Protein backbone atom coordinates (compact mmCIF):
# COMPACT_ATOMS: atom_id res chain seq x y z
CA UNK A 1 29.68 -11.00 -16.80
CA UNK A 2 26.55 -9.51 -18.11
CA UNK A 3 23.26 -11.46 -17.07
CA UNK A 4 21.19 -12.91 -19.95
CA UNK A 5 17.38 -12.30 -20.42
CA UNK A 6 16.98 -16.18 -19.50
CA UNK A 7 18.97 -15.68 -16.02
CA UNK A 8 16.84 -12.79 -15.29
CA UNK A 9 13.66 -14.38 -16.50
CA UNK A 10 14.76 -17.28 -14.26
CA UNK A 11 14.59 -15.15 -11.28
CA UNK A 12 11.66 -13.10 -12.36
CA UNK A 13 9.51 -15.94 -12.30
CA UNK A 14 10.35 -16.53 -8.34
CA UNK A 15 9.21 -12.83 -7.54
CA UNK A 16 6.04 -11.52 -6.06
CA UNK A 17 5.69 -8.01 -5.23
CA UNK A 18 2.37 -7.16 -3.69
CA UNK A 19 0.74 -4.50 -1.28
CA UNK A 20 -1.50 -5.23 1.67
CA UNK A 21 -4.43 -2.82 1.88
CA UNK A 22 -7.14 -2.31 4.40
CA UNK A 23 -9.23 -0.44 6.84
CA UNK A 24 -7.43 0.41 10.34
CA UNK A 25 -7.62 -2.63 12.77
CA UNK A 26 -8.70 -5.11 10.03
CA UNK A 27 -5.72 -7.34 11.27
CA UNK A 28 -2.96 -6.11 8.62
CA UNK A 29 -0.17 -6.14 10.91
CA UNK A 30 -0.99 -9.58 12.26
CA UNK A 31 -1.57 -10.94 8.47
CA UNK A 32 2.07 -9.36 7.71
CA UNK A 33 3.59 -11.12 10.62
CA UNK A 34 2.29 -14.78 10.00
CA UNK A 35 3.50 -14.49 6.42
CA UNK A 36 6.78 -13.46 7.63
CA UNK A 37 6.66 -16.38 10.20
CA UNK A 38 5.93 -18.81 7.12
CA UNK A 39 8.79 -17.38 5.50
CA UNK A 40 11.19 -18.22 8.36
CA UNK A 41 11.78 -14.42 8.39
CA UNK A 42 10.87 -13.85 12.29
CA UNK A 43 10.24 -16.42 14.72
CA UNK A 44 7.96 -14.56 17.19
CA UNK A 45 4.87 -12.39 16.30
CA UNK A 46 4.72 -9.53 18.21
CA UNK A 47 1.48 -8.32 17.83
CA UNK A 48 0.28 -5.01 18.15
CA UNK A 49 -2.14 -4.30 21.03
CA UNK A 50 -2.61 -0.91 20.63
CA UNK A 51 -0.31 2.12 22.68
CA UNK A 52 0.60 -0.23 25.83
CA UNK A 53 2.08 -2.82 23.49
CA UNK A 54 5.25 -3.98 25.07
CA UNK A 55 6.47 -5.69 22.20
CA UNK A 56 5.78 -3.94 18.65
CA UNK A 57 5.11 -5.28 15.24
CA UNK A 58 8.12 -5.83 12.95
CA UNK A 59 6.92 -3.31 10.53
CA UNK A 60 6.25 -0.46 12.86
CA UNK A 61 9.48 1.27 13.99
CA UNK A 62 8.95 4.95 13.93
CA UNK A 63 8.60 6.20 17.39
CA UNK A 64 4.87 7.59 17.09
CA UNK A 65 3.82 4.40 15.65
CA UNK A 66 5.18 2.57 18.58
CA UNK A 67 3.47 5.15 20.85
CA UNK A 68 -0.01 4.99 18.83
CA UNK A 69 0.22 1.30 18.09
CA UNK A 70 -0.60 1.93 14.38
CA UNK A 71 1.58 1.88 11.03
CA UNK A 72 2.50 5.31 9.87
CA UNK A 73 5.10 4.86 7.09
CA UNK A 74 5.35 2.14 4.30
CA UNK A 75 7.89 -0.39 4.74
CA UNK A 76 9.01 -3.21 2.81
CA UNK A 77 10.04 -6.94 3.56
CA UNK A 78 11.37 -9.88 1.72
CA UNK A 79 11.26 -13.40 2.40
CA UNK A 80 11.66 -16.93 0.62
CA UNK A 81 8.89 -19.39 0.60
CA UNK A 82 8.93 -22.80 -1.22
CA UNK A 83 11.31 -21.03 -4.09
CA UNK A 84 9.55 -17.93 -4.17
CA UNK A 85 10.86 -14.63 -3.49
CA UNK A 86 8.05 -12.65 -1.97
CA UNK A 87 8.10 -8.73 -1.30
CA UNK A 88 5.29 -7.30 0.97
CA UNK A 89 4.79 -3.57 0.58
CA UNK A 90 3.34 -2.92 4.01
CA UNK A 91 1.11 0.14 3.51
CA UNK A 92 -0.07 2.13 6.23
CA UNK A 93 -3.82 1.49 7.05
CA UNK A 94 -4.44 4.38 8.99
CA UNK A 95 -6.84 6.50 7.00
CA UNK A 96 -4.45 9.72 7.47
CA UNK A 97 -1.67 7.98 5.66
CA UNK A 98 -3.02 7.64 1.80
CA UNK A 99 -0.81 9.76 0.07
CA UNK A 100 2.16 7.42 1.00
CA UNK A 101 0.07 4.22 0.39
CA UNK A 102 -1.06 5.69 -3.12
CA UNK A 103 2.55 5.73 -4.13
CA UNK A 104 3.36 2.74 -2.57
CA UNK A 105 0.96 0.86 -4.50
CA UNK A 106 2.37 1.85 -7.60
CA UNK A 107 5.28 -0.14 -6.96
CA UNK A 108 3.24 -3.36 -6.42
CA UNK A 109 1.89 -5.66 -9.32
CA UNK A 110 -0.82 -7.06 -6.94
CA UNK A 111 -2.73 -6.35 -3.94
CA UNK A 112 -4.24 -8.16 -0.81
CA UNK A 113 -7.49 -6.71 0.04
CA UNK A 114 -7.85 -7.73 4.04
CA UNK A 115 -11.44 -7.30 5.06
CA UNK A 116 -12.80 -7.46 8.84
CA UNK A 117 -15.75 -10.10 8.66
CA UNK A 118 -17.80 -8.45 11.19
CA UNK A 119 -17.41 -4.79 9.44
CA UNK A 120 -17.32 -5.44 5.93
CA UNK A 121 -15.88 -2.93 3.22
CA UNK A 122 -14.55 0.00 4.93
CA UNK A 123 -13.67 3.78 3.92
CA UNK A 124 -10.42 3.35 3.47
CA UNK A 125 -10.17 0.10 1.76
CA UNK A 126 -12.66 1.61 -0.82
CA UNK A 127 -10.25 4.56 -1.42
CA UNK A 128 -6.98 2.47 -2.00
CA UNK A 129 -9.09 -0.21 -3.71
CA UNK A 130 -9.91 2.60 -6.33
CA UNK A 131 -6.13 3.47 -6.81
CA UNK A 132 -5.51 -0.42 -7.40
CA UNK A 133 -8.32 -0.67 -9.82
CA UNK A 134 -7.04 2.08 -11.81
CA UNK A 135 -3.95 0.48 -12.14
CA UNK A 136 -5.88 -2.78 -13.23
CA UNK A 137 -3.85 -4.77 -11.17
CA UNK A 138 -5.04 -8.37 -9.67
CA UNK A 139 -6.48 -8.06 -6.07
CA UNK A 140 -6.78 -11.15 -3.80
CA UNK A 141 -9.24 -10.95 -0.52
CA UNK A 142 -8.69 -12.28 2.61
CA UNK A 143 -11.88 -12.06 4.93
CA UNK A 144 -10.33 -11.97 8.48
CA UNK A 145 -11.62 -12.48 12.01
CA UNK A 146 -13.98 -15.56 11.07
CA UNK A 147 -13.36 -16.69 14.69
CA UNK A 148 -15.46 -13.63 15.96
CA UNK A 149 -19.13 -12.77 15.35
CA UNK A 150 -19.22 -11.35 11.99
CA UNK A 151 -21.49 -10.91 9.13
CA UNK A 152 -23.23 -13.51 6.61
CA UNK A 153 -20.54 -14.18 3.87
CA UNK A 154 -22.81 -13.96 1.14
CA UNK A 155 -23.47 -10.33 2.36
CA UNK A 156 -19.85 -9.61 2.40
CA UNK A 157 -19.33 -10.86 -1.12
CA UNK A 158 -22.22 -8.87 -2.57
CA UNK A 159 -20.88 -5.72 -0.70
CA UNK A 160 -17.69 -6.14 -2.50
CA UNK A 161 -19.62 -6.18 -5.62
CA UNK A 162 -21.84 -3.10 -4.89
CA UNK A 163 -19.28 -1.07 -3.47
CA UNK A 164 -16.20 -1.83 -5.10
CA UNK A 165 -17.63 -2.92 -8.80
CA UNK A 166 -15.40 -6.37 -8.79
CA UNK A 167 -16.85 -10.08 -8.98
CA UNK A 168 -15.52 -12.50 -6.44
CA UNK A 169 -14.86 -16.08 -6.44
CA UNK A 170 -14.50 -17.71 -2.75
CA UNK A 171 -11.67 -20.44 -3.02
CA UNK A 172 -12.83 -21.78 0.23
CA UNK A 173 -16.12 -21.42 2.26
CA UNK A 174 -16.43 -20.97 6.08
CA UNK A 175 -18.18 -23.43 8.18
CA UNK A 176 -20.00 -21.51 10.73
CA UNK A 177 -18.57 -18.16 12.29
CA UNK A 178 -17.49 -16.79 15.56
CA UNK A 179 -17.98 -19.40 18.44
CA UNK A 180 -19.34 -21.97 16.12
CA UNK A 181 -16.74 -21.50 13.04
CA UNK A 182 -14.88 -24.87 12.68
CA UNK A 183 -13.23 -24.27 9.36
CA UNK A 184 -13.42 -24.00 5.88
CA UNK A 185 -14.11 -26.18 2.93
CA UNK A 186 -11.55 -25.68 0.17
CA UNK A 187 -13.43 -25.44 -2.96
CA UNK A 188 -10.51 -26.11 -5.46
CA UNK A 189 -8.89 -28.86 -3.29
CA UNK A 190 -11.93 -30.60 -2.08
CA UNK A 191 -10.84 -30.95 1.35
CA UNK A 192 -11.59 -29.62 4.64
CA UNK A 193 -9.35 -27.32 7.00
CA UNK A 194 -10.32 -27.59 10.53
CA UNK A 195 -9.68 -25.19 13.27
CA UNK A 196 -8.57 -27.42 16.35
CA UNK A 197 -6.56 -27.45 19.40
CA UNK A 198 -7.18 -25.83 22.99
CA UNK A 199 -6.54 -22.05 21.81
CA UNK A 200 -7.95 -23.24 18.14
CA UNK A 201 -4.14 -22.82 17.06
CA UNK A 202 -4.00 -26.12 15.11
CA UNK A 203 -4.88 -27.19 11.64
CA UNK A 204 -6.07 -30.25 10.73
CA UNK A 205 -6.62 -31.12 6.88
CA UNK A 206 -8.79 -33.89 5.87
CA UNK A 207 -9.54 -34.95 2.22
CA UNK A 208 -13.03 -35.53 1.24
CA UNK A 209 -14.87 -36.32 -2.15
CA UNK A 210 -16.73 -33.34 -2.16
CA UNK A 211 -18.98 -30.96 0.29
CA UNK A 212 -21.58 -33.90 0.74
CA UNK A 213 -19.18 -36.26 2.09
CA UNK A 214 -20.43 -38.07 5.03
CA UNK A 215 -17.19 -36.99 6.83
CA UNK A 216 -18.45 -33.35 6.36
CA UNK A 217 -21.48 -33.87 8.35
CA UNK A 218 -19.72 -35.90 11.12
CA UNK A 219 -17.41 -33.06 11.38
CA UNK A 220 -19.68 -30.03 11.11
CA UNK A 221 -22.80 -31.49 12.90
CA UNK A 222 -26.28 -31.65 11.18
CA UNK A 223 -27.27 -28.21 11.59
CA UNK A 224 -23.66 -26.59 9.91
CA UNK A 225 -23.68 -29.44 7.44
CA UNK A 226 -27.14 -28.33 6.30
CA UNK A 227 -26.25 -24.68 5.93
CA UNK A 228 -23.06 -25.47 4.39
CA UNK A 229 -24.64 -27.81 1.61
CA UNK A 230 -27.23 -24.90 1.01
CA UNK A 231 -24.48 -22.28 0.71
CA UNK A 232 -22.17 -24.24 -1.40
CA UNK A 233 -24.98 -25.26 -3.89
CA UNK A 234 -25.87 -21.94 -4.30
CA UNK A 235 -22.40 -20.88 -5.23
CA UNK A 236 -22.27 -23.67 -7.77
CA UNK A 237 -25.09 -22.61 -9.44
CA UNK A 238 -25.39 -18.60 -9.17
CA UNK A 239 -21.62 -18.05 -8.19
CA UNK A 240 -19.05 -16.63 -10.96
CA UNK A 241 -16.78 -19.30 -12.50
CA UNK A 242 -13.12 -19.01 -11.80
CA UNK A 243 -11.38 -17.30 -14.76
CA UNK A 244 -7.45 -16.58 -14.06
CA UNK A 245 -7.68 -14.21 -17.01
CA UNK A 246 -10.37 -11.92 -15.10
CA UNK A 247 -8.45 -12.29 -11.81
CA UNK A 248 -4.97 -10.91 -14.10
CA UNK A 249 -7.10 -8.15 -15.02
CA UNK A 250 -8.63 -7.08 -12.02
CA UNK A 251 -12.14 -7.96 -12.87
CA UNK A 252 -12.51 -10.99 -10.31
CA UNK A 253 -10.97 -11.47 -6.76
CA UNK A 254 -10.15 -14.70 -5.22
CA UNK A 255 -11.84 -14.78 -1.55
CA UNK A 256 -10.35 -16.58 0.97
CA UNK A 257 -11.65 -17.01 4.57
CA UNK A 258 -9.91 -17.21 7.87
CA UNK A 259 -8.25 -15.89 11.21
CA UNK A 260 -5.07 -14.38 10.83
CA UNK A 261 -4.32 -13.89 14.56
CA UNK A 262 -5.00 -17.68 14.92
CA UNK A 263 -2.83 -18.55 11.99
CA UNK A 264 -5.95 -20.30 10.42
CA UNK A 265 -6.11 -19.86 6.45
CA UNK A 266 -2.69 -18.15 6.44
CA UNK A 267 -0.83 -20.66 4.76
CA UNK A 268 -3.58 -21.95 2.48
CA UNK A 269 -3.83 -18.40 1.05
CA UNK A 270 -0.04 -17.59 0.76
CA UNK A 271 0.26 -21.02 -1.25
CA UNK A 272 -2.80 -20.18 -3.56
CA UNK A 273 -1.62 -16.53 -3.82
CA UNK A 274 1.94 -17.41 -5.11
CA UNK A 275 0.40 -19.47 -7.85
CA UNK A 276 -2.14 -16.95 -9.03
CA UNK A 277 -0.32 -13.72 -8.45
CA UNK A 278 1.41 -12.58 -11.38
CA UNK A 279 5.14 -12.05 -11.40
CA UNK A 280 6.77 -8.33 -12.12
CA UNK A 281 5.00 -6.87 -14.56
CA UNK A 282 5.96 -4.18 -17.57
CA UNK A 283 6.35 -0.57 -16.76
CA UNK A 284 5.56 2.29 -19.16
CA UNK A 285 8.22 4.67 -19.92
CA UNK A 286 9.31 7.50 -22.18
CA UNK A 287 11.30 4.98 -24.19
CA UNK A 288 7.89 2.64 -24.42
CA UNK A 289 7.45 -0.22 -22.27
CA UNK A 290 9.91 -1.91 -20.28
CA UNK A 291 10.01 -5.37 -19.87
CA UNK A 292 11.19 -7.12 -16.95
CA UNK A 293 13.57 -9.19 -19.11
CA UNK A 294 15.23 -6.20 -20.72
CA UNK A 295 19.03 -6.93 -19.87
CA UNK A 296 19.64 -3.33 -19.15
CA UNK A 297 18.77 -2.24 -15.38
CA UNK A 298 16.37 0.06 -14.85
CA UNK A 299 14.36 1.35 -11.73
CA UNK A 300 12.49 4.34 -10.15
CA UNK A 301 12.07 5.85 -6.71
CA UNK A 302 8.62 5.84 -5.26
CA UNK A 303 9.42 6.74 -1.47
CA UNK A 304 11.93 8.66 0.39
CA UNK A 305 12.17 8.24 4.19
CA UNK A 306 14.19 10.35 6.35
CA UNK A 307 15.51 9.25 9.69
CA UNK A 308 14.69 5.65 9.61
CA UNK A 309 17.48 5.61 11.94
CA UNK A 310 17.38 8.63 14.25
CA UNK A 311 21.00 7.68 15.66
CA UNK A 312 22.33 8.45 11.99
CA UNK A 313 19.77 10.93 10.90
CA UNK A 314 19.89 9.00 7.40
CA UNK A 315 17.60 9.09 4.25
CA UNK A 316 16.60 6.14 2.43
CA UNK A 317 15.35 6.36 -1.23
CA UNK A 318 13.21 2.98 -1.73
CA UNK A 319 13.73 1.99 -5.54
CA UNK A 320 11.44 -0.39 -7.55
CA UNK A 321 13.85 -2.53 -9.59
CA UNK A 322 11.90 -2.61 -13.33
CA UNK A 323 14.34 -4.83 -15.38
CA UNK A 324 17.81 -6.01 -15.49
CA UNK A 325 20.13 -7.17 -12.53
CA UNK A 326 21.18 -4.59 -9.88
CA UNK A 327 24.42 -5.55 -8.34
CA UNK A 328 26.13 -3.70 -5.69
CA UNK A 329 28.48 -1.15 -6.34
CA UNK A 330 27.32 -0.61 -9.92
CA UNK A 331 27.12 2.76 -11.83
CA UNK A 332 23.84 3.86 -13.13
CA UNK A 333 22.52 7.19 -14.68
CA UNK A 334 20.62 9.49 -12.75
CA UNK A 335 18.21 10.62 -15.36
CA UNK A 336 16.51 13.85 -13.97
CA UNK A 337 20.13 15.28 -13.07
CA UNK A 338 21.88 13.84 -15.92
CA UNK A 339 24.60 12.22 -13.96
CA UNK A 340 26.24 8.84 -13.21
CA UNK A 341 26.32 7.78 -9.59
CA UNK A 342 27.47 4.85 -7.94
CA UNK A 343 25.02 2.71 -5.60
CA UNK A 344 27.42 1.28 -2.84
CA UNK A 345 25.11 0.88 -0.07
CA UNK A 346 21.97 -0.89 -1.28
CA UNK A 347 19.94 -2.31 1.45
CA UNK A 348 17.17 -4.81 1.93
CA UNK A 349 14.72 -4.45 4.65
CA UNK A 350 13.17 -6.57 7.62
CA UNK A 351 11.65 -3.49 8.92
CA UNK A 352 14.28 -2.55 11.32
CA UNK A 353 16.73 -5.13 10.19
CA UNK A 354 18.64 -4.18 7.17
CA UNK A 355 21.37 -6.30 5.02
CA UNK A 356 23.34 -5.25 2.40
CA UNK A 357 22.21 -6.73 -0.62
CA UNK A 358 24.68 -7.77 -3.49
CA UNK A 359 22.34 -8.32 -6.26
CA UNK A 360 18.66 -7.97 -6.71
CA UNK A 361 16.10 -8.19 -9.77
CA UNK A 362 12.94 -6.83 -11.34
CA UNK A 363 10.08 -6.76 -8.88
CA UNK A 364 12.74 -6.42 -5.57
CA UNK A 365 12.72 -3.37 -3.62
CA UNK A 366 16.02 -1.88 -2.40
CA UNK A 367 17.05 0.88 -0.06
CA UNK A 368 19.64 3.43 -1.55
CA UNK A 369 21.44 5.92 0.93
CA UNK A 370 20.23 9.21 0.05
CA UNK A 371 22.67 12.35 0.27
CA UNK A 372 19.91 14.52 -0.75
CA UNK A 373 20.04 13.86 -4.66
CA UNK A 374 16.68 11.81 -5.24
CA UNK A 375 13.46 12.78 -5.57
CA UNK A 376 10.11 10.69 -5.73
CA UNK A 377 9.71 9.46 -9.33
CA UNK A 378 13.39 9.51 -9.99
CA UNK A 379 14.38 6.94 -12.95
CA UNK A 380 17.82 5.08 -12.66
CA UNK A 381 18.88 3.40 -15.68
CA UNK A 382 21.87 1.84 -17.17
CA UNK A 383 20.75 2.04 -20.76
CA UNK A 384 19.46 5.03 -22.83
CA UNK A 385 17.82 7.68 -20.71
CA UNK A 386 14.38 7.11 -20.13
CA UNK A 387 11.68 8.25 -17.35
CA UNK A 388 8.76 6.07 -16.14
CA UNK A 389 5.15 7.49 -15.79
CA UNK A 390 5.20 9.99 -13.12
CA UNK A 391 3.88 9.11 -9.86
CA UNK A 392 0.79 11.07 -9.16
CA UNK A 393 0.10 13.96 -6.52
CA UNK A 394 -3.16 13.27 -4.95
CA UNK A 395 -5.58 16.09 -3.66
CA UNK A 396 -5.07 16.65 -0.14
CA UNK A 397 -8.30 17.25 2.15
CA UNK A 398 -6.99 19.39 5.18
CA UNK A 399 -5.13 22.41 5.03
CA UNK A 400 -3.38 24.44 7.75
CA UNK A 401 -1.02 27.68 7.82
CA UNK A 402 2.25 27.10 9.03
CA UNK A 403 4.74 29.30 11.23
CA UNK A 404 7.49 28.80 13.51
CA UNK A 405 7.80 29.61 17.19
CA UNK A 406 11.30 30.76 16.87
CA UNK A 407 12.28 32.37 13.87
CA UNK A 408 16.27 31.94 14.54
CA UNK A 409 15.37 28.14 13.59
CA UNK A 410 14.10 29.22 10.09
CA UNK A 411 16.71 27.07 8.47
CA UNK A 412 16.11 24.02 10.11
CA UNK A 413 12.38 24.47 9.63
CA UNK A 414 13.03 24.91 5.65
CA UNK A 415 15.04 21.86 5.69
CA UNK A 416 12.30 19.87 7.54
CA UNK A 417 9.79 21.07 5.28
CA UNK A 418 11.83 20.67 2.02
CA UNK A 419 12.24 16.70 3.39
CA UNK A 420 8.77 15.99 4.70
CA UNK A 421 7.42 17.27 1.35
CA UNK A 422 9.95 15.11 -0.69
CA UNK A 423 8.98 12.13 1.62
CA UNK A 424 5.23 12.65 0.65
CA UNK A 425 4.35 13.38 4.19
CA UNK A 426 2.67 16.87 3.49
CA UNK A 427 2.17 18.84 0.35
CA UNK A 428 3.55 22.63 0.57
CA UNK A 429 1.37 25.42 -1.40
CA UNK A 430 2.10 29.33 -1.20
CA UNK A 431 -0.32 32.00 -1.62
CA UNK A 432 -0.45 33.95 -4.38
CA UNK A 433 -1.78 37.61 -3.31
CA UNK A 434 -0.62 39.40 -0.09
CA UNK A 435 1.75 38.15 2.29
CA UNK A 436 3.76 34.95 1.11
CA UNK A 437 2.50 32.48 3.64
CA UNK A 438 3.03 28.67 3.54
CA UNK A 439 -0.05 26.38 3.73
CA UNK A 440 0.21 22.57 4.39
CA UNK A 441 -2.02 20.18 2.90
CA UNK A 442 -2.65 16.54 3.92
CA UNK A 443 -4.90 13.96 3.49
CA UNK A 444 -5.85 13.50 6.97
CA UNK A 445 -5.49 14.95 10.56
CA UNK A 446 -2.78 12.24 11.92
CA UNK A 447 -0.45 13.83 8.94
CA UNK A 448 -0.28 17.04 10.82
CA UNK A 449 0.50 15.33 14.50
CA UNK A 450 3.04 13.40 12.77
CA UNK A 451 4.52 16.46 10.78
CA UNK A 452 4.59 18.50 14.31
CA UNK A 453 6.30 15.53 16.50
CA UNK A 454 9.04 14.86 13.59
CA UNK A 455 9.89 18.72 13.43
CA UNK A 456 10.34 18.55 17.01
CA UNK A 457 12.14 15.52 17.48
CA UNK A 458 14.31 15.30 13.86
CA UNK A 459 14.91 19.11 13.35
CA UNK A 460 14.57 20.71 16.84
CA UNK A 461 11.70 22.96 15.58
CA UNK A 462 8.34 23.87 17.24
CA UNK A 463 5.65 24.79 14.64
CA UNK A 464 2.33 26.24 14.96
CA UNK A 465 -0.23 25.15 12.84
CA UNK A 466 -3.36 27.29 12.21
CA UNK A 467 -6.25 24.88 10.66
CA UNK A 468 -8.20 26.64 7.48
CA UNK A 469 -11.68 25.78 6.52
CA UNK A 470 -10.84 24.58 2.99
CA UNK A 471 -11.83 20.82 2.12
CA UNK A 472 -10.82 20.47 -1.53
CA UNK A 473 -7.89 21.13 -3.74
CA UNK A 474 -8.21 21.27 -7.66
CA UNK A 475 -4.74 21.99 -9.71
CA UNK A 476 -6.09 24.68 -12.09
CA UNK A 477 -5.11 24.42 -15.77
CA UNK A 478 -5.75 27.58 -17.98
CA UNK A 479 -3.81 29.89 -19.96
CA UNK A 480 -5.62 33.07 -18.07
CA UNK A 481 -5.96 32.51 -14.48
CA UNK A 482 -7.57 35.37 -12.71
CA UNK A 483 -6.87 35.10 -8.93
CA UNK A 484 -9.96 37.29 -8.49
CA UNK A 485 -12.36 34.62 -9.13
CA UNK A 486 -11.12 32.80 -6.26
CA UNK A 487 -12.08 35.17 -3.31
CA UNK A 488 -15.51 33.60 -2.14
CA UNK A 489 -14.88 30.44 0.13
CA UNK A 490 -11.88 29.53 -2.15
CA UNK A 491 -8.20 30.71 -2.42
CA UNK A 492 -5.67 30.63 -5.16
CA UNK A 493 -2.19 29.10 -4.21
CA UNK A 494 0.91 27.87 -5.91
CA UNK A 495 2.33 23.99 -5.24
CA UNK A 496 6.24 23.58 -5.29
CA UNK A 497 6.10 23.42 -9.19
CA UNK A 498 4.23 26.86 -9.39
CA UNK A 499 1.41 24.93 -10.44
CA UNK A 500 -1.81 26.93 -9.67
CA UNK A 501 -3.67 25.23 -7.21
CA UNK A 502 -7.64 26.08 -5.95
CA UNK A 503 -8.58 25.50 -2.30
CA UNK A 504 -12.36 25.37 -1.90
CA UNK A 505 -14.39 25.32 1.31
CA UNK A 506 -17.03 23.54 -0.10
CA UNK A 507 -18.58 21.38 -3.14
CA UNK A 508 -20.72 24.51 -4.08
CA UNK A 509 -17.67 26.91 -4.13
CA UNK A 510 -15.87 24.45 -6.15
CA UNK A 511 -18.89 23.97 -8.45
CA UNK A 512 -19.08 27.61 -8.97
CA UNK A 513 -15.81 28.34 -9.92
CA UNK A 514 -15.72 25.38 -12.56
CA UNK A 515 -18.82 26.91 -14.09
CA UNK A 516 -17.47 30.53 -14.20
CA UNK A 517 -14.35 29.59 -16.02
CA UNK A 518 -15.64 26.54 -18.36
CA UNK A 519 -12.51 27.09 -20.42
CA UNK A 520 -10.51 26.15 -17.51
CA UNK A 521 -9.13 22.27 -16.33
CA UNK A 522 -9.92 21.77 -12.51
CA UNK A 523 -7.59 18.22 -11.98
CA UNK A 524 -7.72 16.20 -8.72
CA UNK A 525 -3.97 15.08 -9.12
CA UNK A 526 -1.36 17.42 -10.19
CA UNK A 527 -0.68 18.24 -13.97
């Protein structure tokens, strides 16, 4: 029986699909685990303590992640909480994995920005925030580690506004910080949430008439009470007003203060987030805007991951459902290849644990077994052929020439390069003059290490990487491209789609080329 748009709407309204963005070490893995605990998805939070961790985070499953104690790939997790279906896209926080992270952000309807209260807005956060900003999606901020000595909350808010260009509205406000941190005042519900217990792991909620209630002085003490009064009065007079429309358009970020490792403020954050965050949103396609309630099933592949299970050497394509109802075993049109395919082994994830999924709805992310037929950006549909907006390819910042140690392993080498390119781990370029040489481009050094590790572990190939001096890549769009104009401090190459790409050693070389070729377009993302 075909589902009606009413059935689909009921399911869509339950769903919240978001990505967590942060700089390394801001506590993202911890926050993810605590959210999963609330959903009953895991019983024990195995926090990552670094390389020597004996128990690893639920979302960190790849061998190199276990060795280094960081999230290298983007995984996806689903849990239920108070009538909502929550999909968390756990993006790698490490600065070297932004290409995969950028793509993952296209599958999210909102983002949670996690900030270390001692460090403020860091470089990686800024980069990821810009991608969210371009899409105009709502951003919710969690100021973490309030139980440690950190910066003044006003300084943190000002930094968000100065560096990121987004206004902020604190939903709650800290009472002290570091060793003096005793909880938060909830500005919306007019109540205190207190940080209690021997290990500060208990939360006590006290209703008050306002922040000037005598109970606040009794609990906080004279000094913290005076400080809190001053700060909250200033916020009431000079701060932004809460405006859900501005939140929805990405112009205002609700801010929550807490400590994920102590589980403080996480539940309050989750409950507010589920009320304020958008349900699955429409997506642009070649057939116009596709609403989630459109009765025909549609979706697109935003990520491909090979060898999630090394024992089976499998490849999983991650699909974001955009409309309609997904059912196990259904036939859909694979638009790029023009063929109907059957989706017989769909999976949903809690990191290493997978469940076969019988049905799923817009906003859900499912894993499809990929025998090598999918590419990033592929559209699947039950209705008319349509393609969703192509996912952008971002400009790499580091480059290496790659060769293999054993020429007899050429076939395995090319297969590995091909699969890692499709996953978005690396970008491959070929030289246009002289010998045909292969150049790899990545966003950060760690991607080269992952590449070497995976080529050796998964494909049995030892490679040699020779670093090149280039720092910038720009796609060149011009009717007549003269390779001779790219000889000094630059190199002209082609990407896998035969687009011309200019690599530059420095900004001066890039500016010179742009001035010499005024008729050409130099693009930061692939055309």
